[in-house]
Amino acid sequence: MAMGFGLPLCDTTRTNFTSNPDPDFGIYLTKATNPAGPWSAPVLVEAGKGLIDPCPLWDDDGQTYLVHG
């Protein structure tokens, strides 16, 4: 499985995440408590072809959304 470019998302109040889009399979997410690692194994969070540019969004009420192109 070839992974796309991961864009790290760091928030001091949450775990650090990186999303890894694969246009053939979907969007994978990895996480770590320290940006230097260790990082978890990739988890498929949104299956589908052509999903690109993922970005988690944390709302003020605590809800989390995954937006993508």
N, C-alpha and C. Protein backbone atom coordinates (compact mmCIF):
# COMPACT_ATOMS: atom_id res chain seq x y z
N MET A 1 0.85 -1.17 0.00
CA MET A 1 0.00 0.00 0.00
C MET A 1 0.89 1.23 0.00
N ALA A 2 0.71 2.10 -0.95
CA ALA A 2 1.46 3.35 -1.02
C ALA A 2 0.69 4.43 -0.28
N MET A 3 1.34 5.07 0.65
CA MET A 3 0.68 6.12 1.41
C MET A 3 0.99 7.48 0.80
N GLY A 4 0.06 8.38 0.88
CA GLY A 4 0.26 9.74 0.40
C GLY A 4 1.06 10.55 1.40
N PHE A 5 1.24 11.79 1.08
CA PHE A 5 1.98 12.70 1.97
C PHE A 5 1.14 12.98 3.20
N GLY A 6 1.71 12.82 4.37
CA GLY A 6 0.99 13.06 5.61
C GLY A 6 1.21 14.47 6.09
N LEU A 7 0.16 15.13 6.50
CA LEU A 7 0.24 16.48 7.03
C LEU A 7 0.02 16.39 8.54
N PRO A 8 1.06 16.66 9.35
CA PRO A 8 0.89 16.54 10.79
C PRO A 8 -0.05 17.61 11.35
N LEU A 9 -0.83 17.22 12.29
CA LEU A 9 -1.75 18.12 12.96
C LEU A 9 -1.44 18.09 14.43
N CYS A 10 -0.94 19.18 14.96
CA CYS A 10 -0.52 19.21 16.35
C CYS A 10 -1.40 20.16 17.15
N ASP A 11 -1.83 19.71 18.28
CA ASP A 11 -2.64 20.51 19.18
C ASP A 11 -2.19 20.15 20.59
N THR A 12 -1.78 21.14 21.36
CA THR A 12 -1.22 20.86 22.68
C THR A 12 -2.24 20.28 23.65
N THR A 13 -3.53 20.37 23.33
CA THR A 13 -4.55 19.82 24.22
C THR A 13 -4.99 18.42 23.83
N ARG A 14 -4.48 17.92 22.71
CA ARG A 14 -4.89 16.61 22.20
C ARG A 14 -3.66 15.80 21.77
N THR A 15 -3.91 14.58 21.40
CA THR A 15 -2.87 13.74 20.81
C THR A 15 -2.51 14.31 19.44
N ASN A 16 -1.27 14.13 19.02
CA ASN A 16 -0.85 14.56 17.69
C ASN A 16 -1.30 13.53 16.66
N PHE A 17 -1.79 14.02 15.53
CA PHE A 17 -2.30 13.16 14.47
C PHE A 17 -1.60 13.48 13.16
N THR A 18 -1.54 12.51 12.29
CA THR A 18 -1.17 12.76 10.91
C THR A 18 -2.14 11.97 10.03
N SER A 19 -2.64 12.63 9.01
CA SER A 19 -3.55 11.96 8.09
C SER A 19 -2.78 11.59 6.83
N ASN A 20 -3.06 10.42 6.33
CA ASN A 20 -2.35 9.89 5.17
C ASN A 20 -3.36 9.45 4.12
N PRO A 21 -3.63 10.30 3.13
CA PRO A 21 -4.58 9.90 2.11
C PRO A 21 -3.96 8.94 1.10
N ASP A 22 -4.72 7.96 0.70
CA ASP A 22 -4.33 7.06 -0.38
C ASP A 22 -5.49 7.07 -1.36
N PRO A 23 -5.33 7.72 -2.53
CA PRO A 23 -6.47 7.90 -3.43
C PRO A 23 -7.09 6.60 -3.93
N ASP A 24 -6.42 5.46 -3.75
CA ASP A 24 -7.00 4.18 -4.16
C ASP A 24 -7.80 3.50 -3.06
N PHE A 25 -7.52 3.82 -1.79
CA PHE A 25 -8.14 3.10 -0.68
C PHE A 25 -8.90 3.98 0.30
N GLY A 26 -8.44 5.19 0.56
CA GLY A 26 -9.12 6.07 1.51
C GLY A 26 -8.14 6.85 2.36
N ILE A 27 -8.61 7.26 3.52
CA ILE A 27 -7.83 8.11 4.42
C ILE A 27 -7.45 7.32 5.67
N TYR A 28 -6.17 7.33 5.97
CA TYR A 28 -5.62 6.65 7.14
C TYR A 28 -5.22 7.69 8.16
N LEU A 29 -5.25 7.32 9.43
CA LEU A 29 -4.86 8.21 10.51
C LEU A 29 -3.86 7.49 11.40
N THR A 30 -2.82 8.20 11.79
CA THR A 30 -1.88 7.69 12.79
C THR A 30 -1.84 8.70 13.92
N LYS A 31 -1.43 8.26 15.11
CA LYS A 31 -1.39 9.18 16.25
C LYS A 31 -0.22 8.86 17.16
N ALA A 32 0.16 9.87 17.92
CA ALA A 32 1.25 9.75 18.89
C ALA A 32 1.07 10.82 19.96
N THR A 33 1.56 10.57 21.14
CA THR A 33 1.50 11.59 22.19
C THR A 33 2.69 12.54 22.09
N ASN A 34 3.72 12.13 21.37
CA ASN A 34 4.91 12.96 21.16
C ASN A 34 5.12 13.06 19.65
N PRO A 35 5.28 14.29 19.11
CA PRO A 35 5.48 14.43 17.66
C PRO A 35 6.68 13.65 17.12
N ALA A 36 7.66 13.37 17.96
CA ALA A 36 8.84 12.61 17.54
C ALA A 36 8.56 11.11 17.48
N GLY A 37 7.39 10.69 17.96
CA GLY A 37 7.03 9.27 17.93
C GLY A 37 7.19 8.64 19.29
N PRO A 38 6.89 7.37 19.35
CA PRO A 38 6.50 6.48 18.27
C PRO A 38 5.07 6.75 17.82
N TRP A 39 4.80 6.46 16.54
CA TRP A 39 3.50 6.64 15.93
C TRP A 39 2.77 5.30 15.84
N SER A 40 1.47 5.34 15.93
CA SER A 40 0.67 4.12 15.82
C SER A 40 0.67 3.62 14.38
N ALA A 41 0.22 2.40 14.23
CA ALA A 41 0.04 1.85 12.88
C ALA A 41 -1.11 2.61 12.21
N PRO A 42 -1.07 2.79 10.89
CA PRO A 42 -2.16 3.49 10.21
C PRO A 42 -3.50 2.76 10.36
N VAL A 43 -4.55 3.54 10.59
CA VAL A 43 -5.91 3.02 10.72
C VAL A 43 -6.77 3.66 9.63
N LEU A 44 -7.48 2.84 8.86
CA LEU A 44 -8.36 3.35 7.82
C LEU A 44 -9.59 3.97 8.49
N VAL A 45 -9.76 5.29 8.35
CA VAL A 45 -10.89 5.96 9.00
C VAL A 45 -11.99 6.36 8.02
N GLU A 46 -11.66 6.41 6.73
CA GLU A 46 -12.66 6.74 5.71
C GLU A 46 -12.27 6.02 4.42
N ALA A 47 -12.98 4.95 4.10
CA ALA A 47 -12.68 4.19 2.89
C ALA A 47 -13.30 4.86 1.68
N GLY A 48 -12.61 4.78 0.55
CA GLY A 48 -13.17 5.30 -0.69
C GLY A 48 -12.09 5.71 -1.67
N LYS A 49 -12.42 5.66 -2.93
CA LYS A 49 -11.48 6.08 -3.97
C LYS A 49 -11.58 7.59 -4.18
N GLY A 50 -10.42 8.21 -4.44
CA GLY A 50 -10.39 9.61 -4.79
C GLY A 50 -10.46 10.58 -3.62
N LEU A 51 -10.40 10.10 -2.39
CA LEU A 51 -10.44 11.00 -1.24
C LEU A 51 -9.07 11.66 -1.07
N ILE A 52 -9.06 13.00 -1.07
CA ILE A 52 -7.79 13.74 -0.98
C ILE A 52 -7.92 14.87 0.03
N ASP A 53 -6.78 15.43 0.40
CA ASP A 53 -6.69 16.61 1.26
C ASP A 53 -7.50 16.49 2.55
N PRO A 54 -7.30 15.43 3.34
CA PRO A 54 -8.07 15.28 4.57
C PRO A 54 -7.61 16.26 5.65
N CYS A 55 -8.56 16.66 6.49
CA CYS A 55 -8.23 17.52 7.62
C CYS A 55 -9.26 17.29 8.73
N PRO A 56 -8.81 16.81 9.89
CA PRO A 56 -9.73 16.72 11.02
C PRO A 56 -10.10 18.13 11.50
N LEU A 57 -11.32 18.27 11.95
CA LEU A 57 -11.82 19.55 12.46
C LEU A 57 -12.42 19.29 13.83
N TRP A 58 -11.91 19.99 14.85
CA TRP A 58 -12.43 19.87 16.20
C TRP A 58 -13.33 21.07 16.47
N ASP A 59 -14.60 20.82 16.70
CA ASP A 59 -15.56 21.88 16.96
C ASP A 59 -15.45 22.31 18.42
N ASP A 60 -15.98 23.48 18.73
CA ASP A 60 -15.93 24.00 20.11
C ASP A 60 -16.69 23.13 21.09
N ASP A 61 -17.67 22.36 20.59
CA ASP A 61 -18.44 21.51 21.49
C ASP A 61 -17.83 20.12 21.69
N GLY A 62 -16.61 19.90 21.15
CA GLY A 62 -15.92 18.64 21.34
C GLY A 62 -16.12 17.63 20.23
N GLN A 63 -17.03 17.91 19.29
CA GLN A 63 -17.24 17.01 18.16
C GLN A 63 -16.03 17.06 17.22
N THR A 64 -15.73 15.93 16.62
CA THR A 64 -14.64 15.85 15.65
C THR A 64 -15.22 15.44 14.32
N TYR A 65 -14.76 16.12 13.27
CA TYR A 65 -15.21 15.85 11.91
C TYR A 65 -13.99 15.61 11.03
N LEU A 66 -14.15 14.85 9.98
CA LEU A 66 -13.10 14.66 8.99
C LEU A 66 -13.60 15.25 7.68
N VAL A 67 -12.96 16.32 7.25
CA VAL A 67 -13.33 16.94 5.99
C VAL A 67 -12.27 16.58 4.95
N HIS A 68 -12.67 16.49 3.70
CA HIS A 68 -11.74 16.11 2.64
C HIS A 68 -12.27 16.56 1.30
N GLY A 69 -11.39 16.53 0.28
CA GLY A 69 -11.79 16.91 -1.09
C GLY A 69 -12.27 15.72 -1.85
